[in-house]
Amino acid sequence: MRVPRRPLVAGLGEWLKRHGKLIRATQWIVVVCYAILILVPALLPLPDETAHVFTHLTVFAQFVFWGIWWPFVLVSMVLVGRTWCGVLCPEGALTEWASSKGLNRAIPRWMRWGGWPFVAFVGTTVYGQMVSVYQYPKAVLLVLGGSTLAAIAVGYVYGREKRVWCKYLCPVNGVFGLLSKLAPLHYRVDADAWRQSYGPTIRIQPINCAPLVAIRKLEGASDCHMCGRCSGHRDAIALTLRSPNHEVVNLGSHLANGWQTLLILVGLLGIALGAFQWTINPHLGEAKQWLADWLIERDIMWPFAENAPWWLLTHYPEQRDVFSWLDGGLLLSYLMGMGVVMGVGLALPLAWTTRLLGPWQKQRFYHLSQALIPVAGVGVFLGLSALTVSLLKAEGISLHWVNDARLLLLTVANLWSLSLFAGIVRRYAATRTVTALGVLAATPALALIDYAWALTFWIW
């Protein structure tokens, strides 16, 4: 009797499982490249106006990290889930390695707090802007290198061959988890096959699930690092294809939560958007001038001091780039203000939609907010890729098509979010009329996001 062939996608999961050693070796190659790119530029003189991507390592590292690495890691989350985390991430490899050598202590209760992904993302985003992490290698070493050292330390103290840092404290864990909800690839657990596996006929091999996923109860792709170690386990787990809308529409009714909602509305669509646009907002300069005049009239001069250390506020006199305390306070206020304004502005239409669909339920509100994941993800990609565009233009490369491409990406993201709104609303609406009204009530949220990006790319 011929054994049925596995589907191609499931076979890919099996390949990852069989080639674990190759994956580990690849991870260490990435670790070495990562270390070179964050350590060496910090030891070199800052580049001058004549430096280019292929003539100065610092500019090259800047282009690789912020122009290619991070934007396309985000893209990979939407295409293949958290494969980056399980196969390539240097911090994941280092924290798991340290955990294999470490103290094997129990994970403390405070570390399991569900708000860390939001707090870590916001804190890293704001601090990165304060020290100009996109521009200066010492800031990169401080932010990324500090994160890596923390990952190693946490791995050494807690767990055994686990990725405790990735599970609870990684600053981008929450963002990656949200974007991977849209991935068409995921490891599906067949509950019936799992139950039938108990018995003498199947030999059960133990699995080291490094990101601490409760594999038997796995539903979505947010927590799974797509490493392939569990593929074929109990003949119940296989890499499979699904609709990109499946997890948000069908599982969000119980998997969505308040911290994810805050990360979407306040973090990605508020503070992160502010981080990408504050340097070009003309009104911020006007506000600074007004506030400076007000302070001078009252003989309050300390905010104009430029004596903050570089690790607290940007301080590079040789580059004519120094933040005063006034600059730092305005930047912090702007980012936090964007978080509040966008968070409230997006929550209102979502709350109205929630109420249209019946008595108020916060879980329904959380569910609806996940329809904004496509526009949130595209927004972060566009913001990061703006540096890519700037560096390529400095190399003399013509990019006249960029604004058209940005408009196309925003249009696709809007249509995707609308389709998610329609799918979610349909689950709660009693009639087609209510469904149409619900989707219509949610569209002001998209309009607000589009207006913010129109200011960034076309108006300011």
Protein backbone atom coordinates (compact mmCIF):
# COMPACT_ATOMS: atom_id res chain seq x y z
CA MET A 1 0.00 0.00 0.00
CA ARG A 2 1.45 3.40 -1.01
CA VAL A 3 1.87 5.87 1.85
CA PRO A 4 0.09 9.15 0.96
CA ARG A 5 2.45 12.02 0.28
CA ARG A 6 2.41 14.98 2.59
CA PRO A 7 1.26 18.30 1.15
CA LEU A 8 4.13 20.51 0.05
CA VAL A 9 3.56 23.02 2.85
CA ALA A 10 3.54 20.31 5.53
CA GLY A 11 6.71 18.92 3.98
CA LEU A 12 8.38 22.29 4.52
CA GLY A 13 7.58 22.04 8.21
CA GLU A 14 9.11 18.56 8.29
CA TRP A 15 12.22 19.90 6.53
CA LEU A 16 12.66 22.51 9.24
CA LYS A 17 12.37 19.82 11.87
CA ARG A 18 14.95 17.56 10.22
CA HIS A 19 17.46 20.37 9.64
CA GLY A 20 17.53 21.83 13.14
CA LYS A 21 21.34 21.82 13.22
CA LEU A 22 21.49 23.82 10.00
CA ILE A 23 19.05 26.35 11.46
CA ARG A 24 21.17 26.71 14.62
CA ALA A 25 24.30 27.25 12.52
CA THR A 26 22.50 29.89 10.46
CA GLN A 27 21.42 31.64 13.65
CA TRP A 28 25.04 31.92 14.80
CA ILE A 29 26.06 33.37 11.44
CA VAL A 30 23.35 36.03 11.91
CA VAL A 31 24.61 36.64 15.47
CA VAL A 32 28.12 37.34 14.15
CA CYS A 33 26.85 39.71 11.44
CA TYR A 34 24.60 41.45 13.96
CA ALA A 35 27.46 41.90 16.42
CA ILE A 36 29.72 43.40 13.74
CA LEU A 37 27.04 45.84 12.60
CA ILE A 38 26.28 47.18 16.08
CA LEU A 39 29.79 47.08 17.61
CA VAL A 40 32.21 48.21 14.91
CA PRO A 41 30.39 51.42 13.79
CA ALA A 42 30.28 52.59 17.42
CA LEU A 43 34.11 52.51 17.46
CA LEU A 44 34.55 54.46 14.22
CA PRO A 45 34.46 58.24 13.68
CA LEU A 46 31.08 59.57 12.67
CA PRO A 47 30.66 59.84 8.89
CA ASP A 48 30.83 63.24 7.19
CA GLU A 49 28.75 64.57 4.31
CA THR A 50 30.85 62.67 1.73
CA ALA A 51 30.20 59.22 3.26
CA HIS A 52 28.06 56.77 1.29
CA VAL A 53 26.47 53.39 1.90
CA PHE A 54 29.32 51.45 0.29
CA THR A 55 32.19 53.69 1.43
CA HIS A 56 31.58 53.95 5.18
CA LEU A 57 30.68 51.06 7.47
CA THR A 58 28.54 53.26 9.72
CA VAL A 59 26.31 54.38 6.85
CA PHE A 60 26.23 50.81 5.55
CA ALA A 61 25.16 49.50 8.96
CA GLN A 62 22.49 52.23 9.19
CA PHE A 63 21.16 51.21 5.78
CA VAL A 64 21.18 47.50 6.64
CA PHE A 65 19.50 47.86 10.05
CA TRP A 66 16.88 50.52 9.42
CA GLY A 67 16.63 50.45 5.63
CA ILE A 68 16.45 46.71 4.95
CA TRP A 69 16.57 44.56 8.08
CA TRP A 70 13.69 45.91 10.18
CA PRO A 71 11.24 46.87 7.39
CA PHE A 72 11.47 43.47 5.76
CA VAL A 73 11.40 41.56 9.03
CA LEU A 74 7.97 43.16 9.46
CA VAL A 75 7.00 42.07 5.95
CA SER A 76 8.10 38.51 6.74
CA MET A 77 5.70 38.38 9.70
CA VAL A 78 2.75 38.92 7.37
CA LEU A 79 4.04 36.44 4.77
CA VAL A 80 5.46 33.53 6.81
CA GLY A 81 4.56 34.27 10.41
CA ARG A 82 7.27 34.45 13.04
CA THR A 83 9.77 32.43 11.04
CA TRP A 84 12.29 35.22 11.63
CA CYS A 85 12.00 34.62 15.38
CA GLY A 86 12.43 30.86 15.17
CA VAL A 87 15.01 30.61 12.40
CA LEU A 88 17.11 33.80 12.23
CA CYS A 89 16.69 36.14 15.22
CA PRO A 90 20.04 36.72 16.98
CA GLU A 91 18.47 37.65 20.31
CA GLY A 92 16.34 34.52 20.25
CA ALA A 93 19.37 32.33 19.56
CA LEU A 94 21.45 34.02 22.27
CA THR A 95 18.79 33.91 24.97
CA GLU A 96 18.08 30.23 24.28
CA TRP A 97 21.80 29.43 24.35
CA ALA A 98 22.26 31.29 27.64
CA SER A 99 19.26 29.49 29.07
CA SER A 100 20.88 26.13 28.28
CA LYS A 101 23.90 27.14 30.40
CA GLY A 102 22.13 29.08 33.12
CA LEU A 103 20.49 28.86 36.52
CA ASN A 104 17.14 27.35 35.44
CA ARG A 105 15.12 29.45 37.84
CA ALA A 106 11.33 29.62 37.71
CA ILE A 107 9.83 32.52 35.76
CA PRO A 108 8.74 35.15 38.29
CA ARG A 109 5.17 36.34 38.47
CA TRP A 110 6.02 39.97 37.55
CA MET A 111 7.57 38.84 34.29
CA ARG A 112 4.34 37.14 33.21
CA TRP A 113 2.42 40.43 33.30
CA GLY A 114 0.51 40.84 30.03
CA GLY A 115 1.36 44.53 29.61
CA TRP A 116 5.08 44.10 28.94
CA PRO A 117 4.81 43.91 25.12
CA PHE A 118 3.03 47.29 25.07
CA VAL A 119 5.26 48.95 27.68
CA ALA A 120 8.48 47.61 26.13
CA PHE A 121 7.51 48.74 22.62
CA VAL A 122 6.48 52.22 23.73
CA GLY A 123 9.52 52.65 25.95
CA THR A 124 11.96 51.52 23.26
CA THR A 125 10.29 53.67 20.59
CA VAL A 126 10.31 56.83 22.71
CA TYR A 127 13.83 56.31 24.04
CA GLY A 128 15.12 55.55 20.55
CA GLN A 129 13.84 58.91 19.35
CA MET A 130 15.34 60.74 22.32
CA VAL A 131 18.83 59.43 21.50
CA SER A 132 18.35 59.44 17.67
CA VAL A 133 18.79 55.70 17.26
CA TYR A 134 18.25 55.84 13.49
CA GLN A 135 21.16 58.24 13.00
CA TYR A 136 23.96 57.40 15.43
CA PRO A 137 25.85 54.12 16.02
CA LYS A 138 26.38 54.67 19.76
CA ALA A 139 22.62 54.96 20.16
CA VAL A 140 22.19 51.74 18.16
CA LEU A 141 24.68 49.99 20.43
CA LEU A 142 22.86 51.33 23.48
CA VAL A 143 19.33 50.39 22.37
CA LEU A 144 19.86 47.18 20.39
CA GLY A 145 22.96 46.07 22.26
CA GLY A 146 21.29 46.75 25.58
CA SER A 147 18.28 44.71 24.52
CA THR A 148 20.56 41.84 23.50
CA LEU A 149 22.44 41.88 26.80
CA ALA A 150 19.13 41.87 28.66
CA ALA A 151 18.00 38.89 26.56
CA ILE A 152 21.17 36.97 27.45
CA ALA A 153 20.83 37.83 31.15
CA VAL A 154 17.19 36.77 31.31
CA GLY A 155 18.02 33.56 29.44
CA TYR A 156 20.85 32.77 31.84
CA VAL A 157 18.71 33.21 34.94
CA TYR A 158 15.35 31.76 33.89
CA GLY A 159 14.22 28.54 32.24
CA ARG A 160 16.16 25.71 30.65
CA GLU A 161 16.76 26.00 26.90
CA LYS A 162 13.82 28.41 26.69
CA ARG A 163 13.24 31.87 25.24
CA VAL A 164 11.78 33.55 28.28
CA TRP A 165 12.92 36.97 27.01
CA CYS A 166 11.12 36.46 23.69
CA LYS A 167 7.95 35.25 25.37
CA TYR A 168 7.53 38.08 27.84
CA LEU A 169 9.94 41.02 27.49
CA CYS A 170 11.12 41.44 23.89
CA PRO A 171 10.19 44.99 22.77
CA VAL A 172 8.87 43.79 19.41
CA ASN A 173 7.19 40.61 20.63
CA GLY A 174 3.77 42.25 20.67
CA VAL A 175 4.17 43.80 17.22
CA PHE A 176 5.37 40.52 15.72
CA GLY A 177 2.49 38.69 17.38
CA LEU A 178 -0.06 41.09 15.87
CA LEU A 179 1.37 40.99 12.34
CA SER A 180 1.67 37.20 12.35
CA LYS A 181 -2.09 37.00 12.84
CA LEU A 182 -2.29 37.88 9.13
CA ALA A 183 0.13 35.20 7.95
CA PRO A 184 -1.26 32.53 5.57
CA LEU A 185 1.12 29.93 7.09
CA HIS A 186 0.69 28.45 10.54
CA TYR A 187 1.13 25.20 12.45
CA ARG A 188 -2.28 23.64 12.84
CA VAL A 189 -3.01 21.33 15.75
CA ASP A 190 -5.53 18.57 15.04
CA ALA A 191 -7.21 18.03 18.41
CA ASP A 192 -8.82 14.72 17.36
CA ALA A 193 -5.52 13.28 16.12
CA TRP A 194 -3.85 14.42 19.34
CA ARG A 195 -6.41 12.58 21.48
CA GLN A 196 -6.12 9.44 19.37
CA SER A 197 -2.34 9.44 19.75
CA TYR A 198 -2.57 8.20 23.34
CA GLY A 199 -1.76 4.53 23.14
CA PRO A 200 0.97 1.98 22.39
CA THR A 201 1.05 2.49 18.61
CA ILE A 202 2.72 5.91 18.46
CA ARG A 203 6.09 6.66 19.99
CA ILE A 204 5.98 10.13 21.48
CA GLN A 205 9.15 12.22 21.19
CA PRO A 206 9.50 15.10 23.67
CA ILE A 207 9.63 18.64 22.21
CA ASN A 208 11.60 21.59 23.42
CA CYS A 209 9.25 24.46 22.53
CA ALA A 210 11.63 27.31 23.23
CA PRO A 211 9.01 30.13 23.15
CA LEU A 212 6.93 28.30 25.78
CA VAL A 213 3.84 27.74 23.64
CA ALA A 214 1.10 25.51 25.03
CA ILE A 215 1.26 23.41 21.86
CA ARG A 216 -1.82 21.27 22.47
CA LYS A 217 -3.97 24.40 22.85
CA LEU A 218 -2.31 26.35 20.01
CA GLU A 219 -4.92 28.15 17.90
CA GLY A 220 -3.33 31.15 16.21
CA ALA A 221 0.14 32.07 14.99
CA SER A 222 0.95 34.92 17.38
CA ASP A 223 3.03 32.95 19.88
CA CYS A 224 4.51 30.32 17.55
CA HIS A 225 8.08 30.95 16.32
CA MET A 226 7.65 28.66 13.31
CA CYS A 227 10.85 26.73 14.04
CA GLY A 228 9.37 23.40 12.96
CA ARG A 229 10.41 21.45 16.06
CA CYS A 230 6.86 20.29 16.75
CA SER A 231 6.00 19.38 13.14
CA GLY A 232 4.43 15.92 13.02
CA HIS A 233 4.22 15.62 16.81
CA ARG A 234 1.68 12.91 17.70
CA ASP A 235 0.74 12.98 14.01
CA ALA A 236 -1.38 15.98 15.01
CA ILE A 237 0.68 19.06 14.05
CA ALA A 238 1.46 20.21 10.53
CA LEU A 239 2.40 23.39 8.73
CA THR A 240 -0.67 24.41 6.74
CA LEU A 241 -2.15 27.23 4.71
CA ARG A 242 -5.09 29.30 5.88
CA SER A 243 -6.92 32.47 4.90
CA PRO A 244 -4.95 35.59 5.95
CA ASN A 245 -8.18 36.83 7.55
CA HIS A 246 -8.86 33.65 9.51
CA GLU A 247 -7.20 34.40 12.83
CA VAL A 248 -8.41 37.99 13.16
CA VAL A 249 -11.99 37.29 12.09
CA ASN A 250 -12.62 33.87 13.61
CA LEU A 251 -10.34 33.73 16.64
CA GLY A 252 -10.23 37.37 17.70
CA SER A 253 -13.53 37.02 19.55
CA HIS A 254 -11.62 35.24 22.34
CA LEU A 255 -7.90 35.76 21.60
CA ALA A 256 -7.95 39.58 21.30
CA ASN A 257 -7.24 41.43 24.54
CA GLY A 258 -6.90 44.92 25.94
CA TRP A 259 -3.10 45.09 25.78
CA GLN A 260 -3.15 44.15 22.10
CA THR A 261 -5.73 46.87 21.54
CA LEU A 262 -3.55 49.46 23.28
CA LEU A 263 -0.56 48.36 21.21
CA ILE A 264 -2.53 48.83 17.99
CA LEU A 265 -4.32 52.10 18.76
CA VAL A 266 -1.81 53.90 20.98
CA GLY A 267 1.48 52.19 20.16
CA LEU A 268 1.60 51.45 16.43
CA LEU A 269 -0.93 54.00 15.19
CA GLY A 270 -0.09 56.72 17.71
CA ILE A 271 3.38 56.86 19.24
CA ALA A 272 5.16 55.03 16.40
CA LEU A 273 3.48 57.25 13.81
CA GLY A 274 4.55 60.30 15.81
CA ALA A 275 8.12 58.99 15.86
CA PHE A 276 8.14 58.91 12.07
CA GLN A 277 6.65 62.37 11.53
CA TRP A 278 7.89 64.67 14.30
CA THR A 279 10.98 65.80 12.38
CA ILE A 280 8.88 67.14 9.50
CA ASN A 281 5.96 68.62 11.44
CA PRO A 282 6.20 72.42 10.96
CA HIS A 283 3.86 73.06 13.88
CA LEU A 284 6.31 71.50 16.32
CA GLY A 285 8.84 74.22 15.41
CA GLU A 286 6.18 76.87 15.89
CA ALA A 287 5.29 75.44 19.29
CA LYS A 288 8.96 75.44 20.29
CA GLN A 289 9.33 79.11 19.31
CA TRP A 290 6.22 80.11 21.25
CA LEU A 291 7.31 78.17 24.32
CA ALA A 292 10.85 79.58 24.10
CA ASP A 293 9.49 83.13 24.03
CA TRP A 294 7.23 82.38 26.99
CA LEU A 295 10.16 80.99 29.00
CA ILE A 296 12.46 83.91 28.15
CA GLU A 297 9.82 86.44 29.19
CA ARG A 298 9.78 84.79 32.61
CA ASP A 299 13.56 84.42 32.79
CA ILE A 300 13.37 80.64 32.91
CA MET A 301 16.56 79.66 31.13
CA TRP A 302 17.48 76.15 32.27
CA PRO A 303 15.37 74.40 29.56
CA PHE A 304 17.72 75.87 26.94
CA ALA A 305 20.76 74.11 28.38
CA GLU A 306 22.38 71.54 26.11
CA ASN A 307 24.23 69.59 28.76
CA ALA A 308 22.31 66.31 28.71
CA PRO A 309 24.52 63.23 28.11
CA TRP A 310 24.24 61.49 24.72
CA TRP A 311 22.65 58.42 26.32
CA LEU A 312 19.74 60.51 27.59
CA LEU A 313 19.25 63.09 24.83
CA THR A 314 20.94 63.43 21.43
CA HIS A 315 24.27 65.18 21.95
CA TYR A 316 26.66 65.30 19.00
CA PRO A 317 28.14 68.84 18.78
CA GLU A 318 30.53 67.83 15.99
CA GLN A 319 27.48 66.98 13.87
CA ARG A 320 25.67 70.17 14.97
CA ASP A 321 22.98 67.93 16.43
CA VAL A 322 22.31 68.63 20.11
CA PHE A 323 19.02 68.42 22.01
CA SER A 324 18.31 70.90 24.75
CA TRP A 325 16.05 69.99 27.64
CA LEU A 326 13.36 71.97 25.86
CA ASP A 327 13.82 69.84 22.73
CA GLY A 328 13.61 66.66 24.74
CA GLY A 329 10.50 67.78 26.60
CA LEU A 330 8.75 68.80 23.38
CA LEU A 331 9.64 65.53 21.69
CA LEU A 332 8.39 63.49 24.61
CA SER A 333 5.19 65.54 24.76
CA TYR A 334 4.65 65.17 21.02
CA LEU A 335 5.03 61.39 21.06
CA MET A 336 2.82 60.94 24.11
CA GLY A 337 0.33 63.40 22.68
CA MET A 338 0.15 61.47 19.44
CA GLY A 339 -0.51 58.33 21.44
CA VAL A 340 -3.42 59.97 23.26
CA VAL A 341 -4.90 61.78 20.23
CA MET A 342 -4.71 58.80 17.89
CA GLY A 343 -5.74 56.35 20.60
CA VAL A 344 -8.88 58.33 21.47
CA GLY A 345 -9.59 59.28 17.84
CA LEU A 346 -9.49 55.62 16.78
CA ALA A 347 -11.28 54.26 19.83
CA LEU A 348 -14.36 56.46 19.34
CA PRO A 349 -15.52 55.01 15.97
CA LEU A 350 -14.66 51.51 17.16
CA ALA A 351 -16.70 52.06 20.31
CA TRP A 352 -19.62 53.38 18.26
CA THR A 353 -19.43 50.32 16.01
CA THR A 354 -19.33 48.06 19.07
CA ARG A 355 -22.48 49.68 20.42
CA LEU A 356 -24.27 49.44 17.07
CA LEU A 357 -23.81 45.68 17.17
CA GLY A 358 -25.57 45.26 20.49
CA PRO A 359 -25.05 45.89 24.21
CA TRP A 360 -21.56 47.10 25.06
CA GLN A 361 -18.96 44.32 25.26
CA LYS A 362 -15.31 45.14 25.67
CA GLN A 363 -14.31 41.86 23.99
CA ARG A 364 -16.17 42.91 20.85
CA PHE A 365 -14.32 46.25 20.97
CA TYR A 366 -10.99 44.41 21.26
CA HIS A 367 -12.00 42.19 18.35
CA LEU A 368 -12.89 45.13 16.11
CA SER A 369 -9.61 46.89 16.85
CA GLN A 370 -7.72 44.00 15.27
CA ALA A 371 -9.14 44.93 11.87
CA LEU A 372 -6.65 47.83 11.96
CA ILE A 373 -3.61 45.53 12.02
CA PRO A 374 -3.00 45.82 8.23
CA VAL A 375 -2.92 49.63 8.24
CA ALA A 376 -0.83 49.61 11.42
CA GLY A 377 1.70 47.21 9.90
CA VAL A 378 1.92 49.07 6.60
CA GLY A 379 2.35 52.34 8.49
CA VAL A 380 5.37 51.05 10.42
CA PHE A 381 6.83 49.66 7.18
CA LEU A 382 6.38 53.02 5.42
CA GLY A 383 7.90 54.89 8.34
CA LEU A 384 10.99 52.69 8.48
CA SER A 385 11.36 52.59 4.70
CA ALA A 386 11.43 56.40 4.63
CA LEU A 387 15.02 56.11 5.85
CA THR A 388 15.68 53.60 3.07
CA VAL A 389 14.42 56.14 0.56
CA SER A 390 16.55 58.95 2.05
CA LEU A 391 19.72 56.87 1.94
CA LEU A 392 19.10 55.67 -1.60
CA LYS A 393 18.43 59.24 -2.78
CA ALA A 394 21.75 60.28 -1.20
CA GLU A 395 23.37 57.65 -3.42
CA GLY A 396 21.90 59.38 -6.47
CA ILE A 397 19.26 56.72 -7.15
CA SER A 398 16.07 58.06 -8.72
CA LEU A 399 12.96 57.11 -6.73
CA HIS A 400 10.27 59.18 -8.43
CA TRP A 401 7.84 56.27 -8.05
CA VAL A 402 8.04 56.10 -4.24
CA ASN A 403 4.99 58.21 -3.43
CA ASP A 404 2.90 56.20 -5.87
CA ALA A 405 4.08 53.00 -4.20
CA ARG A 406 3.21 54.45 -0.77
CA LEU A 407 -0.27 55.34 -1.94
CA LEU A 408 -0.73 51.84 -3.38
CA LEU A 409 0.38 50.18 -0.13
CA LEU A 410 -1.94 52.37 1.95
CA THR A 411 -4.82 51.61 -0.42
CA VAL A 412 -4.25 47.86 -0.19
CA ALA A 413 -3.97 48.08 3.61
CA ASN A 414 -7.22 50.07 3.81
CA LEU A 415 -9.06 47.54 1.66
CA TRP A 416 -7.67 44.69 3.76
CA SER A 417 -8.77 46.37 6.97
CA LEU A 418 -12.22 46.98 5.49
CA SER A 419 -12.51 43.29 4.63
CA LEU A 420 -11.55 42.43 8.22
CA PHE A 421 -14.11 44.89 9.57
CA ALA A 422 -16.75 43.29 7.35
CA GLY A 423 -15.83 39.78 8.51
CA ILE A 424 -15.85 40.73 12.19
CA VAL A 425 -19.05 42.77 12.03
CA ARG A 426 -20.78 39.93 10.20
CA ARG A 427 -20.16 37.67 13.20
CA TYR A 428 -22.15 39.97 15.49
CA ALA A 429 -24.71 41.63 13.21
CA ALA A 430 -28.22 40.25 12.98
CA THR A 431 -28.94 41.58 9.46
CA ARG A 432 -27.11 42.78 6.37
CA THR A 433 -28.23 46.32 7.11
CA VAL A 434 -26.59 46.24 10.52
CA THR A 435 -23.47 44.77 8.92
CA ALA A 436 -23.28 47.63 6.43
CA LEU A 437 -23.89 50.23 9.15
CA GLY A 438 -21.23 48.65 11.35
CA VAL A 439 -18.58 48.75 8.63
CA LEU A 440 -19.56 52.33 7.76
CA ALA A 441 -19.30 53.39 11.42
CA ALA A 442 -15.75 52.02 11.60
CA THR A 443 -14.44 53.78 8.48
CA PRO A 444 -13.65 57.12 10.25
CA ALA A 445 -10.83 55.24 12.00
CA LEU A 446 -9.26 54.48 8.63
CA ALA A 447 -9.82 58.06 7.48
CA LEU A 448 -7.95 59.40 10.52
CA ILE A 449 -4.99 57.10 9.86
CA ASP A 450 -4.90 58.04 6.18
CA TYR A 451 -4.99 61.73 7.06
CA ALA A 452 -2.02 61.32 9.40
CA TRP A 453 0.03 59.63 6.66
CA ALA A 454 -1.12 62.18 4.06
CA LEU A 455 0.32 64.90 6.30
CA THR A 456 3.57 62.98 6.60
CA PHE A 457 4.19 62.19 2.93
CA TRP A 458 2.19 64.68 0.88
CA ILE A 459 1.18 67.79 2.84
CA TRP A 460 4.05 68.66 5.19
